[in-house]
């Protein structure tokens, strides 16, 4: 089983699109996938047909109440389950401010269900607060979606420092595994220059002992495709909405790379984590 946090604090880089459609592509290949929406905007939930106006239990109830995760795990497609978000989740940061161990609530609650799935994927909010911390303390690896554009790279160093702090103090099993280039236009000089810069930076890090020293980029580039932008408004994954589109083709290829990656990797056992002396405010 792999637990993957899809994270980038910069919005509009294809984070939710990747979390949803990679999940759907893996499910299409027969993998049992659990997608957990931790973004108060609930875009992943909307993408798969859960409307924010509806009265339903969400991950908000799991984090702030005694609601078990089993009560908010809904099968939305064959082999694909969703734990939805809700706009109320925006208040969770304040409500949990005084809670002991607030950064590991999700990890503790999902321990009984995790073995039922091949992949657990977290769609993280575009911020570095308590919701993202819950994903990072629960996941074993991170997929970082990047738009090959200068502004999309702004703040990357802060994100990497946050990941490093969480790995050092709260989750020693955490690693940054892979980069996913989204909204890619191979015909532009800028896209190729930015990719070159990113690859050079991470190539230098391979000589270090950092948690991103073994990061690699997927060969698949998620091309800019209008069908990917249209699918959420119909509450469908790209495979339900436009099965023959470039977007569907790209995410199928990405899923195959992820599965090949799984076949080749050795999943490290999670170490016991002692949090009594951890200060999560320093990892934000």
C-alpha atoms as a PDB file:
ATOM      1  CA  UNK A   1       0.000   0.000   0.000  1.00  0.00           C
ATOM      2  CA  UNK A   2       1.164   3.512  -0.800  1.00  0.00           C
ATOM      3  CA  UNK A   3      -0.037   6.650   0.982  1.00  0.00           C
ATOM      4  CA  UNK A   4       0.570   9.740  -1.144  1.00  0.00           C
ATOM      5  CA  UNK A   5       0.018  13.419  -0.376  1.00  0.00           C
ATOM      6  CA  UNK A   6      -0.468  15.579  -3.467  1.00  0.00           C
ATOM      7  CA  UNK A   7       0.677  18.984  -2.336  1.00  0.00           C
ATOM      8  CA  UNK A   8       1.645  22.436  -3.538  1.00  0.00           C
ATOM      9  CA  UNK A   9       0.813  25.597  -1.618  1.00  0.00           C
ATOM     10  CA  UNK A  10       0.557  27.470  -4.916  1.00  0.00           C
ATOM     11  CA  UNK A  11      -2.960  27.263  -6.322  1.00  0.00           C
ATOM     12  CA  UNK A  12      -3.800  26.638  -9.967  1.00  0.00           C
ATOM     13  CA  UNK A  13      -0.963  24.196 -10.707  1.00  0.00           C
ATOM     14  CA  UNK A  14      -3.097  21.104 -11.313  1.00  0.00           C
ATOM     15  CA  UNK A  15      -2.978  19.693  -7.781  1.00  0.00           C
ATOM     16  CA  UNK A  16      -6.625  18.686  -7.421  1.00  0.00           C
ATOM     17  CA  UNK A  17      -6.903  17.707 -11.083  1.00  0.00           C
ATOM     18  CA  UNK A  18      -3.975  15.357 -10.551  1.00  0.00           C
ATOM     19  CA  UNK A  19      -5.254  13.928  -7.256  1.00  0.00           C
ATOM     20  CA  UNK A  20      -8.688  13.158  -8.723  1.00  0.00           C
ATOM     21  CA  UNK A  21      -7.724  11.885 -12.156  1.00  0.00           C
ATOM     22  CA  UNK A  22      -4.694   9.906 -11.002  1.00  0.00           C
ATOM     23  CA  UNK A  23      -6.975   8.238  -8.456  1.00  0.00           C
ATOM     24  CA  UNK A  24      -9.547   7.485 -11.149  1.00  0.00           C
ATOM     25  CA  UNK A  25      -6.875   6.187 -13.539  1.00  0.00           C
ATOM     26  CA  UNK A  26      -5.442   3.835 -10.926  1.00  0.00           C
ATOM     27  CA  UNK A  27      -8.958   2.609 -10.102  1.00  0.00           C
ATOM     28  CA  UNK A  28      -9.563   1.988 -13.805  1.00  0.00           C
ATOM     29  CA  UNK A  29      -6.515  -0.303 -13.750  1.00  0.00           C
ATOM     30  CA  UNK A  30      -8.053  -2.407 -10.989  1.00  0.00           C
ATOM     31  CA  UNK A  31      -6.289  -0.756  -8.034  1.00  0.00           C
ATOM     32  CA  UNK A  32      -8.320  -0.049  -4.893  1.00  0.00           C
ATOM     33  CA  UNK A  33      -7.943   3.689  -4.311  1.00  0.00           C
ATOM     34  CA  UNK A  34      -9.084   5.915  -1.448  1.00  0.00           C
ATOM     35  CA  UNK A  35      -9.062   9.660  -2.168  1.00  0.00           C
ATOM     36  CA  UNK A  36      -9.232  11.936   0.901  1.00  0.00           C
ATOM     37  CA  UNK A  37     -10.159  15.565   0.249  1.00  0.00           C
ATOM     38  CA  UNK A  38      -8.516  17.844   2.830  1.00  0.00           C
ATOM     39  CA  UNK A  39      -9.107  21.117   0.990  1.00  0.00           C
ATOM     40  CA  UNK A  40     -11.897  23.321   2.460  1.00  0.00           C
ATOM     41  CA  UNK A  41     -12.731  24.396  -1.102  1.00  0.00           C
ATOM     42  CA  UNK A  42     -13.850  20.769  -1.621  1.00  0.00           C
ATOM     43  CA  UNK A  43     -12.877  20.842  -5.291  1.00  0.00           C
ATOM     44  CA  UNK A  44     -11.925  17.154  -5.359  1.00  0.00           C
ATOM     45  CA  UNK A  45     -15.318  16.315  -3.839  1.00  0.00           C
ATOM     46  CA  UNK A  46     -17.127  18.492  -6.376  1.00  0.00           C
ATOM     47  CA  UNK A  47     -15.060  16.911  -9.147  1.00  0.00           C
ATOM     48  CA  UNK A  48     -16.528  13.531  -8.190  1.00  0.00           C
ATOM     49  CA  UNK A  49     -20.116  14.709  -7.667  1.00  0.00           C
ATOM     50  CA  UNK A  50     -20.309  15.749  -4.003  1.00  0.00           C
ATOM     51  CA  UNK A  51     -21.991  19.176  -3.847  1.00  0.00           C
ATOM     52  CA  UNK A  52     -21.065  21.550  -1.033  1.00  0.00           C
ATOM     53  CA  UNK A  53     -24.740  22.447  -0.493  1.00  0.00           C
ATOM     54  CA  UNK A  54     -25.650  18.872   0.460  1.00  0.00           C
ATOM     55  CA  UNK A  55     -25.958  17.687   4.046  1.00  0.00           C
ATOM     56  CA  UNK A  56     -23.333  14.997   4.493  1.00  0.00           C
ATOM     57  CA  UNK A  57     -20.613  14.027   6.924  1.00  0.00           C
ATOM     58  CA  UNK A  58     -17.126  15.015   5.783  1.00  0.00           C
ATOM     59  CA  UNK A  59     -13.506  14.956   6.888  1.00  0.00           C
ATOM     60  CA  UNK A  60     -14.391  17.986   9.035  1.00  0.00           C
ATOM     61  CA  UNK A  61     -16.469  15.709  11.294  1.00  0.00           C
ATOM     62  CA  UNK A  62     -13.579  13.244  11.483  1.00  0.00           C
ATOM     63  CA  UNK A  63     -11.063  15.877  12.591  1.00  0.00           C
ATOM     64  CA  UNK A  64     -13.276  17.811  15.025  1.00  0.00           C
ATOM     65  CA  UNK A  65     -15.588  15.107  16.377  1.00  0.00           C
ATOM     66  CA  UNK A  66     -15.627  11.383  17.137  1.00  0.00           C
ATOM     67  CA  UNK A  67     -16.868  10.451  13.664  1.00  0.00           C
ATOM     68  CA  UNK A  68     -15.007   7.358  12.376  1.00  0.00           C
ATOM     69  CA  UNK A  69     -13.509   7.490   8.911  1.00  0.00           C
ATOM     70  CA  UNK A  70     -15.602   4.487   7.877  1.00  0.00           C
ATOM     71  CA  UNK A  71     -18.699   6.729   8.081  1.00  0.00           C
ATOM     72  CA  UNK A  72     -17.285   9.194   5.558  1.00  0.00           C
ATOM     73  CA  UNK A  73     -15.737   6.799   3.045  1.00  0.00           C
ATOM     74  CA  UNK A  74     -18.037   6.628  -0.010  1.00  0.00           C
ATOM     75  CA  UNK A  75     -17.590   4.485  -3.089  1.00  0.00           C
ATOM     76  CA  UNK A  76     -17.960   6.807  -6.089  1.00  0.00           C
ATOM     77  CA  UNK A  77     -16.708   4.556  -8.897  1.00  0.00           C
ATOM     78  CA  UNK A  78     -15.579   0.976  -9.241  1.00  0.00           C
ATOM     79  CA  UNK A  79     -12.434   0.601  -7.096  1.00  0.00           C
ATOM     80  CA  UNK A  80     -12.562   4.277  -6.080  1.00  0.00           C
ATOM     81  CA  UNK A  81     -13.645   5.626  -2.674  1.00  0.00           C
ATOM     82  CA  UNK A  82     -13.867   9.263  -1.548  1.00  0.00           C
ATOM     83  CA  UNK A  83     -13.793  10.936   1.839  1.00  0.00           C
ATOM     84  CA  UNK A  84     -15.299  14.327   0.984  1.00  0.00           C
ATOM     85  CA  UNK A  85     -14.444  17.761   2.265  1.00  0.00           C
ATOM     86  CA  UNK A  86     -16.802  20.605   3.139  1.00  0.00           C
ATOM     87  CA  UNK A  87     -16.561  24.382   3.441  1.00  0.00           C
ATOM     88  CA  UNK A  88     -16.833  23.920   7.236  1.00  0.00           C
ATOM     89  CA  UNK A  89     -13.305  22.505   7.130  1.00  0.00           C
ATOM     90  CA  UNK A  90     -12.056  26.083   6.852  1.00  0.00           C
ATOM     91  CA  UNK A  91     -12.889  26.482  10.543  1.00  0.00           C
ATOM     92  CA  UNK A  92     -10.973  23.373  11.591  1.00  0.00           C
ATOM     93  CA  UNK A  93      -7.675  25.220  11.985  1.00  0.00           C
ATOM     94  CA  UNK A  94      -9.136  27.489  14.663  1.00  0.00           C
ATOM     95  CA  UNK A  95     -11.200  24.763  16.333  1.00  0.00           C
ATOM     96  CA  UNK A  96      -8.180  22.485  16.639  1.00  0.00           C
ATOM     97  CA  UNK A  97      -5.783  25.191  17.820  1.00  0.00           C
ATOM     98  CA  UNK A  98      -5.875  23.916  21.401  1.00  0.00           C
ATOM     99  CA  UNK A  99      -6.164  20.200  20.650  1.00  0.00           C
ATOM    100  CA  UNK A 100      -3.319  17.962  21.793  1.00  0.00           C
ATOM    101  CA  UNK A 101      -1.814  16.033  18.892  1.00  0.00           C
ATOM    102  CA  UNK A 102      -3.910  17.938  16.343  1.00  0.00           C
ATOM    103  CA  UNK A 103      -1.377  17.237  13.599  1.00  0.00           C
ATOM    104  CA  UNK A 104      -1.825  13.428  13.830  1.00  0.00           C
ATOM    105  CA  UNK A 105      -5.612  13.087  14.259  1.00  0.00           C
ATOM    106  CA  UNK A 106      -6.116  11.730  10.755  1.00  0.00           C
ATOM    107  CA  UNK A 107      -3.242   9.245  11.040  1.00  0.00           C
ATOM    108  CA  UNK A 108      -4.635   7.808  14.256  1.00  0.00           C
ATOM    109  CA  UNK A 109      -8.158   7.467  12.882  1.00  0.00           C
ATOM    110  CA  UNK A 110      -7.288   5.779   9.620  1.00  0.00           C
ATOM    111  CA  UNK A 111      -5.116   3.001  11.019  1.00  0.00           C
ATOM    112  CA  UNK A 112      -7.970   0.462  11.006  1.00  0.00           C
ATOM    113  CA  UNK A 113      -8.981   1.119   7.374  1.00  0.00           C
ATOM    114  CA  UNK A 114      -5.701   1.667   5.555  1.00  0.00           C
ATOM    115  CA  UNK A 115      -5.011  -1.982   4.754  1.00  0.00           C
ATOM    116  CA  UNK A 116      -8.160  -2.203   2.618  1.00  0.00           C
ATOM    117  CA  UNK A 117      -6.579  -0.154  -0.193  1.00  0.00           C
ATOM    118  CA  UNK A 118      -3.691  -0.256  -2.642  1.00  0.00           C
ATOM    119  CA  UNK A 119      -3.352   3.537  -2.769  1.00  0.00           C
ATOM    120  CA  UNK A 120      -4.454   6.301  -0.417  1.00  0.00           C
ATOM    121  CA  UNK A 121      -4.196   9.757  -1.972  1.00  0.00           C
ATOM    122  CA  UNK A 122      -4.627  13.038  -0.107  1.00  0.00           C
ATOM    123  CA  UNK A 123      -5.664  16.182  -1.933  1.00  0.00           C
ATOM    124  CA  UNK A 124      -4.083  18.860   0.278  1.00  0.00           C
ATOM    125  CA  UNK A 125      -5.166  22.501   0.601  1.00  0.00           C
ATOM    126  CA  UNK A 126      -3.011  25.239  -0.969  1.00  0.00           C
ATOM    127  CA  UNK A 127      -1.607  26.181   2.444  1.00  0.00           C
ATOM    128  CA  UNK A 128       0.792  24.830   5.056  1.00  0.00           C
ATOM    129  CA  UNK A 129      -1.482  24.683   8.103  1.00  0.00           C
ATOM    130  CA  UNK A 130      -2.920  21.933  10.301  1.00  0.00           C
ATOM    131  CA  UNK A 131      -4.825  20.235   7.454  1.00  0.00           C
ATOM    132  CA  UNK A 132      -1.685  19.832   5.380  1.00  0.00           C
ATOM    133  CA  UNK A 133       0.195  18.692   8.482  1.00  0.00           C
ATOM    134  CA  UNK A 134      -2.370  15.932   8.995  1.00  0.00           C
ATOM    135  CA  UNK A 135      -1.733  14.731   5.447  1.00  0.00           C
ATOM    136  CA  UNK A 136       2.054  14.901   5.824  1.00  0.00           C
ATOM    137  CA  UNK A 137       2.078  13.012   9.128  1.00  0.00           C
ATOM    138  CA  UNK A 138      -0.146  10.296   7.633  1.00  0.00           C
ATOM    139  CA  UNK A 139       1.422   9.876   4.195  1.00  0.00           C
ATOM    140  CA  UNK A 140       4.668   8.088   3.427  1.00  0.00           C
ATOM    141  CA  UNK A 141       5.422  10.048   0.268  1.00  0.00           C
ATOM    142  CA  UNK A 142       4.659  13.245  -1.600  1.00  0.00           C
ATOM    143  CA  UNK A 143       3.827  13.929  -5.220  1.00  0.00           C
ATOM    144  CA  UNK A 144       4.540  17.546  -6.116  1.00  0.00           C
ATOM    145  CA  UNK A 145       2.592  18.892  -9.104  1.00  0.00           C
ATOM    146  CA  UNK A 146       4.337  21.803 -10.798  1.00  0.00           C
ATOM    147  CA  UNK A 147       3.282  24.134 -13.558  1.00  0.00           C
ATOM    148  CA  UNK A 148       6.326  24.981 -15.701  1.00  0.00           C
ATOM    149  CA  UNK A 149       5.946  28.698 -15.079  1.00  0.00           C
ATOM    150  CA  UNK A 150       8.087  31.069 -13.028  1.00  0.00           C
ATOM    151  CA  UNK A 151       5.329  32.175 -10.624  1.00  0.00           C
ATOM    152  CA  UNK A 152       4.319  28.574  -9.974  1.00  0.00           C
ATOM    153  CA  UNK A 153       7.816  27.945  -8.594  1.00  0.00           C
ATOM    154  CA  UNK A 154       7.589  30.844  -6.163  1.00  0.00           C
ATOM    155  CA  UNK A 155       7.534  29.524  -2.618  1.00  0.00           C
ATOM    156  CA  UNK A 156       8.908  26.101  -3.540  1.00  0.00           C
ATOM    157  CA  UNK A 157      11.828  26.470  -1.126  1.00  0.00           C
ATOM    158  CA  UNK A 158       9.421  27.210   1.755  1.00  0.00           C
ATOM    159  CA  UNK A 159       7.406  24.113   0.912  1.00  0.00           C
ATOM    160  CA  UNK A 160      10.558  21.977   0.853  1.00  0.00           C
ATOM    161  CA  UNK A 161      11.620  23.329   4.258  1.00  0.00           C
ATOM    162  CA  UNK A 162       8.190  22.507   5.678  1.00  0.00           C
ATOM    163  CA  UNK A 163       8.362  18.958   4.312  1.00  0.00           C
ATOM    164  CA  UNK A 164      11.813  18.560   5.835  1.00  0.00           C
ATOM    165  CA  UNK A 165      10.645  19.789   9.247  1.00  0.00           C
ATOM    166  CA  UNK A 166       7.666  17.432   9.260  1.00  0.00           C
ATOM    167  CA  UNK A 167       9.873  14.504   8.265  1.00  0.00           C
ATOM    168  CA  UNK A 168      12.406  15.310  10.956  1.00  0.00           C
ATOM    169  CA  UNK A 169       9.989  15.934  13.829  1.00  0.00           C
ATOM    170  CA  UNK A 170       6.706  14.167  13.083  1.00  0.00           C
ATOM    171  CA  UNK A 171       7.019  11.550  10.340  1.00  0.00           C
ATOM    172  CA  UNK A 172      10.437   9.998   9.670  1.00  0.00           C
ATOM    173  CA  UNK A 173       8.940   7.821   6.893  1.00  0.00           C
ATOM    174  CA  UNK A 174       8.023  10.842   4.740  1.00  0.00           C
ATOM    175  CA  UNK A 175       9.837  11.385   1.429  1.00  0.00           C
ATOM    176  CA  UNK A 176       9.315  13.574  -1.601  1.00  0.00           C
ATOM    177  CA  UNK A 177       9.063  10.911  -4.293  1.00  0.00           C
ATOM    178  CA  UNK A 178       8.010  12.451  -7.595  1.00  0.00           C
ATOM    179  CA  UNK A 179       7.383  15.620  -9.572  1.00  0.00           C
ATOM    180  CA  UNK A 180       4.399  15.881 -11.913  1.00  0.00           C
ATOM    181  CA  UNK A 181       4.513  18.584 -14.585  1.00  0.00           C
ATOM    182  CA  UNK A 182       0.994  19.843 -15.271  1.00  0.00           C
ATOM    183  CA  UNK A 183      -0.513  22.369 -17.705  1.00  0.00           C
ATOM    184  CA  UNK A 184       2.453  21.560 -19.910  1.00  0.00           C
ATOM    185  CA  UNK A 185       2.942  23.164 -23.305  1.00  0.00           C
ATOM    186  CA  UNK A 186       5.971  21.615 -24.953  1.00  0.00           C
ATOM    187  CA  UNK A 187       5.907  24.195 -27.724  1.00  0.00           C
ATOM    188  CA  UNK A 188       6.945  27.049 -25.451  1.00  0.00           C
ATOM    189  CA  UNK A 189      10.515  27.927 -24.565  1.00  0.00           C
ATOM    190  CA  UNK A 190       9.526  28.929 -21.027  1.00  0.00           C
ATOM    191  CA  UNK A 191       8.126  25.504 -20.138  1.00  0.00           C
ATOM    192  CA  UNK A 192      11.293  23.720 -21.171  1.00  0.00           C
ATOM    193  CA  UNK A 193      13.534  26.276 -19.431  1.00  0.00           C
ATOM    194  CA  UNK A 194      11.635  25.989 -16.137  1.00  0.00           C
ATOM    195  CA  UNK A 195      11.699  22.186 -16.291  1.00  0.00           C
ATOM    196  CA  UNK A 196      15.448  22.360 -16.942  1.00  0.00           C
ATOM    197  CA  UNK A 197      15.966  24.608 -13.905  1.00  0.00           C
ATOM    198  CA  UNK A 198      13.904  22.356 -11.634  1.00  0.00           C
ATOM    199  CA  UNK A 199      15.674  19.220 -12.824  1.00  0.00           C
ATOM    200  CA  UNK A 200      19.077  20.864 -12.264  1.00  0.00           C
ATOM    201  CA  UNK A 201      18.122  21.896  -8.722  1.00  0.00           C
ATOM    202  CA  UNK A 202      16.965  18.423  -7.710  1.00  0.00           C
ATOM    203  CA  UNK A 203      19.929  16.772  -9.444  1.00  0.00           C
ATOM    204  CA  UNK A 204      22.198  18.753  -7.116  1.00  0.00           C
ATOM    205  CA  UNK A 205      20.128  17.627  -4.115  1.00  0.00           C
ATOM    206  CA  UNK A 206      20.859  13.976  -4.893  1.00  0.00           C
ATOM    207  CA  UNK A 207      24.286  14.537  -3.363  1.00  0.00           C
ATOM    208  CA  UNK A 208      22.696  15.594  -0.085  1.00  0.00           C
ATOM    209  CA  UNK A 209      21.011  13.698   2.721  1.00  0.00           C
ATOM    210  CA  UNK A 210      17.683  15.531   2.367  1.00  0.00           C
ATOM    211  CA  UNK A 211      14.331  13.787   2.098  1.00  0.00           C
ATOM    212  CA  UNK A 212      14.083  14.902  -1.530  1.00  0.00           C
ATOM    213  CA  UNK A 213      17.499  13.570  -2.527  1.00  0.00           C
ATOM    214  CA  UNK A 214      15.922  10.681  -4.450  1.00  0.00           C
ATOM    215  CA  UNK A 215      13.078  12.609  -6.088  1.00  0.00           C
ATOM    216  CA  UNK A 216      12.461  11.962  -9.780  1.00  0.00           C
ATOM    217  CA  UNK A 217      10.155  13.413 -12.429  1.00  0.00           C
ATOM    218  CA  UNK A 218       7.521  11.361 -14.164  1.00  0.00           C
ATOM    219  CA  UNK A 219       8.130  11.030 -17.883  1.00  0.00           C
ATOM    220  CA  UNK A 220       4.461  11.779 -18.486  1.00  0.00           C
ATOM    221  CA  UNK A 221       3.685  15.464 -18.910  1.00  0.00           C
ATOM    222  CA  UNK A 222       0.070  16.475 -18.290  1.00  0.00           C
ATOM    223  CA  UNK A 223      -0.670  18.607 -21.304  1.00  0.00           C
ATOM    224  CA  UNK A 224      -2.863  21.695 -21.128  1.00  0.00           C
ATOM    225  CA  UNK A 225      -6.283  20.365 -22.093  1.00  0.00           C
ATOM    226  CA  UNK A 226      -9.654  22.118 -21.944  1.00  0.00           C
ATOM    227  CA  UNK A 227     -11.447  18.833 -21.204  1.00  0.00           C
ATOM    228  CA  UNK A 228      -9.612  18.610 -17.876  1.00  0.00           C
ATOM    229  CA  UNK A 229     -10.956  22.044 -16.963  1.00  0.00           C
ATOM    230  CA  UNK A 230     -14.507  21.163 -18.026  1.00  0.00           C
ATOM    231  CA  UNK A 231     -14.856  17.787 -16.278  1.00  0.00           C
ATOM    232  CA  UNK A 232     -15.321  19.115 -12.683  1.00  0.00           C
ATOM    233  CA  UNK A 233     -18.391  21.138 -13.671  1.00  0.00           C
ATOM    234  CA  UNK A 234     -20.089  17.852 -14.581  1.00  0.00           C
ATOM    235  CA  UNK A 235     -19.008  16.100 -11.380  1.00  0.00           C
ATOM    236  CA  UNK A 236     -17.000  13.565 -13.357  1.00  0.00           C
ATOM    237  CA  UNK A 237     -13.444  12.379 -13.703  1.00  0.00           C
ATOM    238  CA  UNK A 238     -11.803  12.933 -17.074  1.00  0.00           C
ATOM    239  CA  UNK A 239     -12.471   9.284 -17.952  1.00  0.00           C
ATOM    240  CA  UNK A 240     -16.215   9.676 -17.462  1.00  0.00           C
ATOM    241  CA  UNK A 241     -16.359  13.058 -19.178  1.00  0.00           C
ATOM    242  CA  UNK A 242     -13.955  12.753 -22.127  1.00  0.00           C
ATOM    243  CA  UNK A 243     -12.478   9.273 -22.213  1.00  0.00           C
ATOM    244  CA  UNK A 244     -10.625   9.802 -25.503  1.00  0.00           C
ATOM    245  CA  UNK A 245      -9.177  13.233 -24.707  1.00  0.00           C
ATOM    246  CA  UNK A 246      -5.501  14.092 -24.320  1.00  0.00           C
ATOM    247  CA  UNK A 247      -6.150  14.611 -20.607  1.00  0.00           C
ATOM    248  CA  UNK A 248      -7.456  11.065 -20.184  1.00  0.00           C
ATOM    249  CA  UNK A 249      -4.522   9.695 -22.156  1.00  0.00           C
ATOM    250  CA  UNK A 250      -1.993  11.594 -20.046  1.00  0.00           C
ATOM    251  CA  UNK A 251      -3.435  10.483 -16.715  1.00  0.00           C
ATOM    252  CA  UNK A 252      -3.606   6.871 -17.886  1.00  0.00           C
ATOM    253  CA  UNK A 253       0.084   7.068 -18.764  1.00  0.00           C
ATOM    254  CA  UNK A 254       0.835   8.658 -15.387  1.00  0.00           C
ATOM    255  CA  UNK A 255      -1.055   5.877 -13.586  1.00  0.00           C
ATOM    256  CA  UNK A 256       0.965   3.253 -15.434  1.00  0.00           C
ATOM    257  CA  UNK A 257       4.184   4.988 -14.350  1.00  0.00           C
ATOM    258  CA  UNK A 258       2.976   5.055 -10.744  1.00  0.00           C
ATOM    259  CA  UNK A 259       2.138   1.337 -10.858  1.00  0.00           C
ATOM    260  CA  UNK A 260       5.528   0.517 -12.396  1.00  0.00           C
ATOM    261  CA  UNK A 261       7.129   2.605  -9.686  1.00  0.00           C
ATOM    262  CA  UNK A 262       5.223   0.586  -7.064  1.00  0.00           C
ATOM    263  CA  UNK A 263       6.453  -2.690  -8.527  1.00  0.00           C
ATOM    264  CA  UNK A 264      10.067  -1.517  -8.254  1.00  0.00           C
ATOM    265  CA  UNK A 265      10.053   0.092  -4.833  1.00  0.00           C
ATOM    266  CA  UNK A 266      10.399  -1.337  -1.365  1.00  0.00           C
ATOM    267  CA  UNK A 267       7.832   0.187   0.975  1.00  0.00           C
ATOM    268  CA  UNK A 268       9.610   1.177   4.186  1.00  0.00           C
ATOM    269  CA  UNK A 269       7.916   0.181   7.455  1.00  0.00           C
ATOM    270  CA  UNK A 270       6.570   3.176   9.356  1.00  0.00           C
ATOM    271  CA  UNK A 271       8.622   4.006  12.418  1.00  0.00           C
ATOM    272  CA  UNK A 272       7.038   4.731  15.754  1.00  0.00           C
ATOM    273  CA  UNK A 273       6.706   8.494  16.163  1.00  0.00           C
ATOM    274  CA  UNK A 274       7.037  10.237  19.500  1.00  0.00           C
ATOM    275  CA  UNK A 275       5.288  13.615  19.395  1.00  0.00           C
ATOM    276  CA  UNK A 276       5.440  14.781  23.021  1.00  0.00           C
ATOM    277  CA  UNK A 277       8.281  17.219  22.323  1.00  0.00           C
ATOM    278  CA  UNK A 278       7.281  18.140  18.795  1.00  0.00           C
ATOM    279  CA  UNK A 279       6.277  21.699  18.099  1.00  0.00           C
ATOM    280  CA  UNK A 280       3.994  21.677  15.050  1.00  0.00           C
ATOM    281  CA  UNK A 281       3.866  25.466  14.892  1.00  0.00           C
ATOM    282  CA  UNK A 282       7.459  25.394  13.685  1.00  0.00           C
ATOM    283  CA  UNK A 283       6.479  23.173  10.749  1.00  0.00           C
ATOM    284  CA  UNK A 284       4.034  25.590   9.178  1.00  0.00           C
END
